[in-house]
N, C-alpha and C. Protein backbone atom coordinates (compact mmCIF):
# COMPACT_ATOMS: atom_id res chain seq x y z
N MET A 1 0.88 -1.14 -0.03
CA MET A 1 0.00 -0.01 -0.06
C MET A 1 0.99 1.28 0.01
N GLN A 2 0.57 2.10 -0.89
CA GLN A 2 1.43 3.38 -1.05
C GLN A 2 1.12 4.36 0.11
N LYS A 3 2.14 4.93 0.72
CA LYS A 3 2.11 5.80 1.80
C LYS A 3 2.27 7.22 1.22
N SER A 4 1.25 8.03 1.12
CA SER A 4 1.44 9.31 0.63
C SER A 4 0.67 10.41 1.35
N ALA A 5 -0.17 10.07 2.20
CA ALA A 5 -0.94 10.97 3.02
C ALA A 5 -0.02 11.50 4.18
N VAL A 6 -0.24 12.77 4.51
CA VAL A 6 0.63 13.38 5.60
C VAL A 6 -0.32 13.97 6.61
N ILE A 7 0.01 13.75 7.81
CA ILE A 7 -0.76 14.18 9.00
C ILE A 7 0.14 15.34 9.72
N HIS A 8 -0.45 16.48 9.84
CA HIS A 8 0.16 17.50 10.69
C HIS A 8 -0.71 17.68 11.90
N ALA A 9 -0.05 17.60 13.06
CA ALA A 9 -0.85 17.73 14.35
C ALA A 9 0.03 18.49 15.35
N SER A 10 -0.56 19.32 16.13
CA SER A 10 0.23 19.88 17.18
C SER A 10 -0.03 19.19 18.56
N ILE A 11 0.99 18.89 19.37
CA ILE A 11 0.77 18.16 20.57
C ILE A 11 1.74 18.62 21.55
N ASN A 12 1.42 18.41 22.89
CA ASN A 12 2.22 18.80 23.98
C ASN A 12 3.63 18.30 23.74
N PRO A 13 4.67 18.94 23.78
CA PRO A 13 5.98 18.38 23.63
C PRO A 13 6.44 17.37 24.66
N LYS A 14 5.97 17.57 25.95
CA LYS A 14 6.29 16.50 26.97
C LYS A 14 5.64 15.25 26.68
N LEU A 15 4.33 15.30 26.31
CA LEU A 15 3.58 14.09 25.92
C LEU A 15 4.14 13.32 24.76
N LYS A 16 4.51 14.16 23.67
CA LYS A 16 5.19 13.62 22.58
C LYS A 16 6.45 12.79 22.91
N ALA A 17 7.33 13.47 23.75
CA ALA A 17 8.65 12.89 24.06
C ALA A 17 8.30 11.54 24.88
N GLU A 18 7.43 11.57 25.73
CA GLU A 18 7.13 10.38 26.60
C GLU A 18 6.61 9.23 25.86
N ALA A 19 5.71 9.63 24.86
CA ALA A 19 5.04 8.58 24.02
C ALA A 19 6.15 7.93 23.14
N GLU A 20 7.02 8.83 22.57
CA GLU A 20 8.15 8.33 21.72
C GLU A 20 9.00 7.36 22.36
N VAL A 21 9.38 7.55 23.64
CA VAL A 21 10.15 6.63 24.45
C VAL A 21 9.45 5.26 24.41
N ILE A 22 8.12 5.25 24.65
CA ILE A 22 7.42 3.91 24.57
C ILE A 22 7.41 3.37 23.29
N PHE A 23 7.21 4.11 22.28
CA PHE A 23 7.19 3.57 20.92
C PHE A 23 8.48 2.92 20.56
N GLU A 24 9.57 3.60 21.02
CA GLU A 24 10.91 3.04 20.78
C GLU A 24 11.12 1.73 21.53
N LYS A 25 10.58 1.65 22.75
CA LYS A 25 10.73 0.40 23.43
C LYS A 25 9.95 -0.84 22.74
N LEU A 26 8.88 -0.33 22.15
CA LEU A 26 8.05 -1.30 21.38
C LEU A 26 8.58 -1.65 19.94
N GLY A 27 9.65 -0.89 19.59
CA GLY A 27 10.11 -1.10 18.33
C GLY A 27 9.33 -0.42 17.14
N LEU A 28 8.55 0.62 17.52
CA LEU A 28 7.79 1.29 16.49
C LEU A 28 8.19 2.71 16.25
N SER A 29 8.21 2.97 14.93
CA SER A 29 8.37 4.41 14.55
C SER A 29 7.11 5.18 14.78
N ILE A 30 7.22 6.51 14.88
CA ILE A 30 5.96 7.32 15.03
C ILE A 30 4.94 6.99 13.91
N SER A 31 5.41 6.91 12.72
CA SER A 31 4.52 6.57 11.69
C SER A 31 3.89 5.21 11.84
N GLU A 32 4.63 4.28 12.34
CA GLU A 32 3.96 2.99 12.46
C GLU A 32 2.88 3.04 13.68
N ALA A 33 3.28 3.77 14.74
CA ALA A 33 2.42 3.92 15.74
C ALA A 33 1.01 4.56 15.31
N ILE A 34 1.11 5.69 14.60
CA ILE A 34 -0.05 6.35 14.06
C ILE A 34 -0.88 5.38 13.14
N THR A 35 -0.16 4.72 12.33
CA THR A 35 -0.77 3.68 11.35
C THR A 35 -1.57 2.65 12.26
N LEU A 36 -0.91 2.24 13.32
CA LEU A 36 -1.50 1.21 14.16
C LEU A 36 -2.74 1.76 14.78
N PHE A 37 -2.70 2.91 15.29
CA PHE A 37 -3.84 3.64 15.85
C PHE A 37 -5.09 3.71 14.82
N TYR A 38 -4.72 4.18 13.63
CA TYR A 38 -5.76 4.36 12.66
C TYR A 38 -6.32 2.99 12.20
N GLN A 39 -5.49 1.87 12.18
CA GLN A 39 -6.02 0.55 11.89
C GLN A 39 -7.03 0.01 12.98
N GLN A 40 -6.64 0.33 14.31
CA GLN A 40 -7.59 0.03 15.30
C GLN A 40 -8.87 0.91 15.28
N VAL A 41 -8.83 2.05 14.86
CA VAL A 41 -9.93 2.91 14.72
C VAL A 41 -10.85 2.34 13.63
N LYS A 42 -10.25 1.90 12.59
CA LYS A 42 -11.00 1.26 11.40
C LYS A 42 -11.62 0.01 11.98
N LEU A 43 -10.93 -0.86 12.62
CA LEU A 43 -11.47 -2.14 13.09
C LEU A 43 -12.68 -2.03 14.18
N ALA A 44 -12.43 -0.96 15.04
CA ALA A 44 -13.41 -0.77 16.04
C ALA A 44 -14.64 0.17 15.48
N LYS A 45 -14.38 0.74 14.30
CA LYS A 45 -15.35 1.66 13.80
C LYS A 45 -15.62 2.83 14.83
N GLY A 46 -14.55 3.22 15.43
CA GLY A 46 -14.62 4.28 16.44
C GLY A 46 -13.28 4.28 17.20
N LEU A 47 -13.15 5.06 18.21
CA LEU A 47 -11.98 4.89 19.05
C LEU A 47 -11.83 3.63 19.71
N PRO A 48 -10.57 3.13 19.61
CA PRO A 48 -10.32 1.79 20.19
C PRO A 48 -10.12 1.74 21.72
N PHE A 49 -10.77 2.62 22.42
CA PHE A 49 -10.85 2.66 23.79
C PHE A 49 -12.12 3.45 24.20
N GLU A 50 -12.59 3.32 25.40
CA GLU A 50 -13.85 3.89 25.81
C GLU A 50 -13.62 5.28 26.26
N ILE A 51 -14.40 6.15 25.74
CA ILE A 51 -14.42 7.57 26.12
C ILE A 51 -15.92 7.95 26.64
N ARG A 52 -15.99 8.48 27.80
CA ARG A 52 -17.24 8.82 28.28
C ARG A 52 -17.19 10.37 28.82
N VAL A 53 -18.24 10.97 28.84
CA VAL A 53 -18.52 12.23 29.41
C VAL A 53 -18.67 12.04 30.82
N PRO A 54 -17.86 12.64 31.68
CA PRO A 54 -18.04 12.35 33.15
C PRO A 54 -19.40 12.75 33.62
N ASN A 55 -19.97 12.10 34.53
CA ASN A 55 -21.26 12.43 35.15
C ASN A 55 -21.10 13.66 36.08
N LYS A 56 -22.15 14.11 36.58
CA LYS A 56 -22.13 15.25 37.51
C LYS A 56 -21.28 15.08 38.74
N THR A 57 -21.39 13.85 39.37
CA THR A 57 -20.54 13.55 40.44
C THR A 57 -19.05 13.52 40.18
N THR A 58 -18.74 12.90 39.13
CA THR A 58 -17.27 12.84 38.71
C THR A 58 -16.72 14.13 38.38
N ARG A 59 -17.54 15.05 37.69
CA ARG A 59 -17.14 16.46 37.33
C ARG A 59 -16.81 17.13 38.65
N LYS A 60 -17.76 17.03 39.56
CA LYS A 60 -17.59 17.76 40.85
C LYS A 60 -16.43 17.25 41.59
N THR A 61 -16.11 15.94 41.59
CA THR A 61 -14.97 15.43 42.37
C THR A 61 -13.75 15.89 41.56
N PHE A 62 -13.57 16.03 40.26
CA PHE A 62 -12.52 16.57 39.46
C PHE A 62 -12.29 17.94 39.89
N GLU A 63 -13.37 18.72 39.96
CA GLU A 63 -13.13 20.20 40.29
C GLU A 63 -12.69 20.37 41.70
N GLU A 64 -13.17 19.52 42.67
CA GLU A 64 -12.78 19.60 44.01
C GLU A 64 -11.29 19.23 44.15
N THR A 65 -10.94 18.14 43.63
CA THR A 65 -9.44 17.65 43.83
C THR A 65 -8.52 18.61 43.13
N ASP A 66 -8.96 19.22 41.96
CA ASP A 66 -8.06 20.23 41.29
C ASP A 66 -7.83 21.38 42.28
N GLU A 67 -8.80 21.66 43.13
CA GLU A 67 -8.67 22.70 44.11
C GLU A 67 -8.05 22.28 45.38
N GLY A 68 -7.74 20.96 45.50
CA GLY A 68 -7.03 20.45 46.64
C GLY A 68 -8.07 20.06 47.78
N LYS A 69 -9.28 20.10 47.49
CA LYS A 69 -10.41 19.68 48.50
C LYS A 69 -10.52 18.19 48.52
N GLY A 70 -10.53 17.68 49.70
CA GLY A 70 -10.92 16.23 49.93
C GLY A 70 -9.70 15.31 49.44
N VAL A 71 -8.44 15.81 49.31
CA VAL A 71 -7.39 15.07 48.88
C VAL A 71 -6.61 14.56 50.13
N VAL A 72 -6.33 13.26 50.25
CA VAL A 72 -5.64 12.73 51.37
C VAL A 72 -4.24 12.27 50.78
N ARG A 73 -3.20 12.82 51.38
CA ARG A 73 -1.88 12.44 50.98
C ARG A 73 -1.23 11.45 52.05
N CYS A 74 -0.66 10.38 51.53
CA CYS A 74 -0.03 9.45 52.34
C CYS A 74 1.46 9.28 52.05
N LYS A 75 2.27 9.02 53.03
CA LYS A 75 3.78 8.93 52.87
C LYS A 75 4.10 7.58 52.20
N ASP A 76 3.20 6.56 52.44
CA ASP A 76 3.57 5.22 51.87
C ASP A 76 2.30 4.30 51.73
N GLU A 77 2.43 3.18 51.23
CA GLU A 77 1.30 2.28 51.08
C GLU A 77 0.54 1.79 52.44
N ALA A 78 1.41 1.69 53.44
CA ALA A 78 0.91 1.29 54.83
C ALA A 78 -0.06 2.45 55.19
N GLU A 79 0.52 3.62 55.15
CA GLU A 79 -0.40 4.78 55.52
C GLU A 79 -1.68 4.85 54.66
N LEU A 80 -1.51 4.62 53.42
CA LEU A 80 -2.76 4.56 52.55
C LEU A 80 -3.66 3.59 53.05
N PHE A 81 -3.23 2.31 53.27
CA PHE A 81 -4.16 1.19 53.61
C PHE A 81 -4.80 1.53 54.94
N LYS A 82 -4.10 2.09 55.86
CA LYS A 82 -4.61 2.48 57.15
C LYS A 82 -5.70 3.59 57.00
N ALA A 83 -5.44 4.53 56.07
CA ALA A 83 -6.45 5.56 55.86
C ALA A 83 -7.67 5.06 55.19
N LEU A 84 -7.49 3.97 54.39
CA LEU A 84 -8.63 3.35 53.76
C LEU A 84 -9.33 2.30 54.67
N GLY A 85 -8.69 2.03 55.79
CA GLY A 85 -9.34 1.02 56.72
C GLY A 85 -9.05 -0.42 56.31
N ILE A 86 -7.94 -0.67 55.45
CA ILE A 86 -7.76 -2.09 54.97
C ILE A 86 -6.47 -2.54 55.31
């Protein structure tokens, strides 16, 4: 199959660099990774992962945690388990 289509996209440079490290570990070029994504979109007839609009409770939780409300910080997993009661 001839490859002649070009994709131009702007992306956060940090995200791009982090993803490229993973692609390299997987032995994929950026073009191969994008082609793989497009193939999965084609097969799934949509995005190859679930995307949902957060409900009212989830949106409220996101807003509150972004403001630092209701956030519990633990120094390690033992403290986390104790805070969770497990």
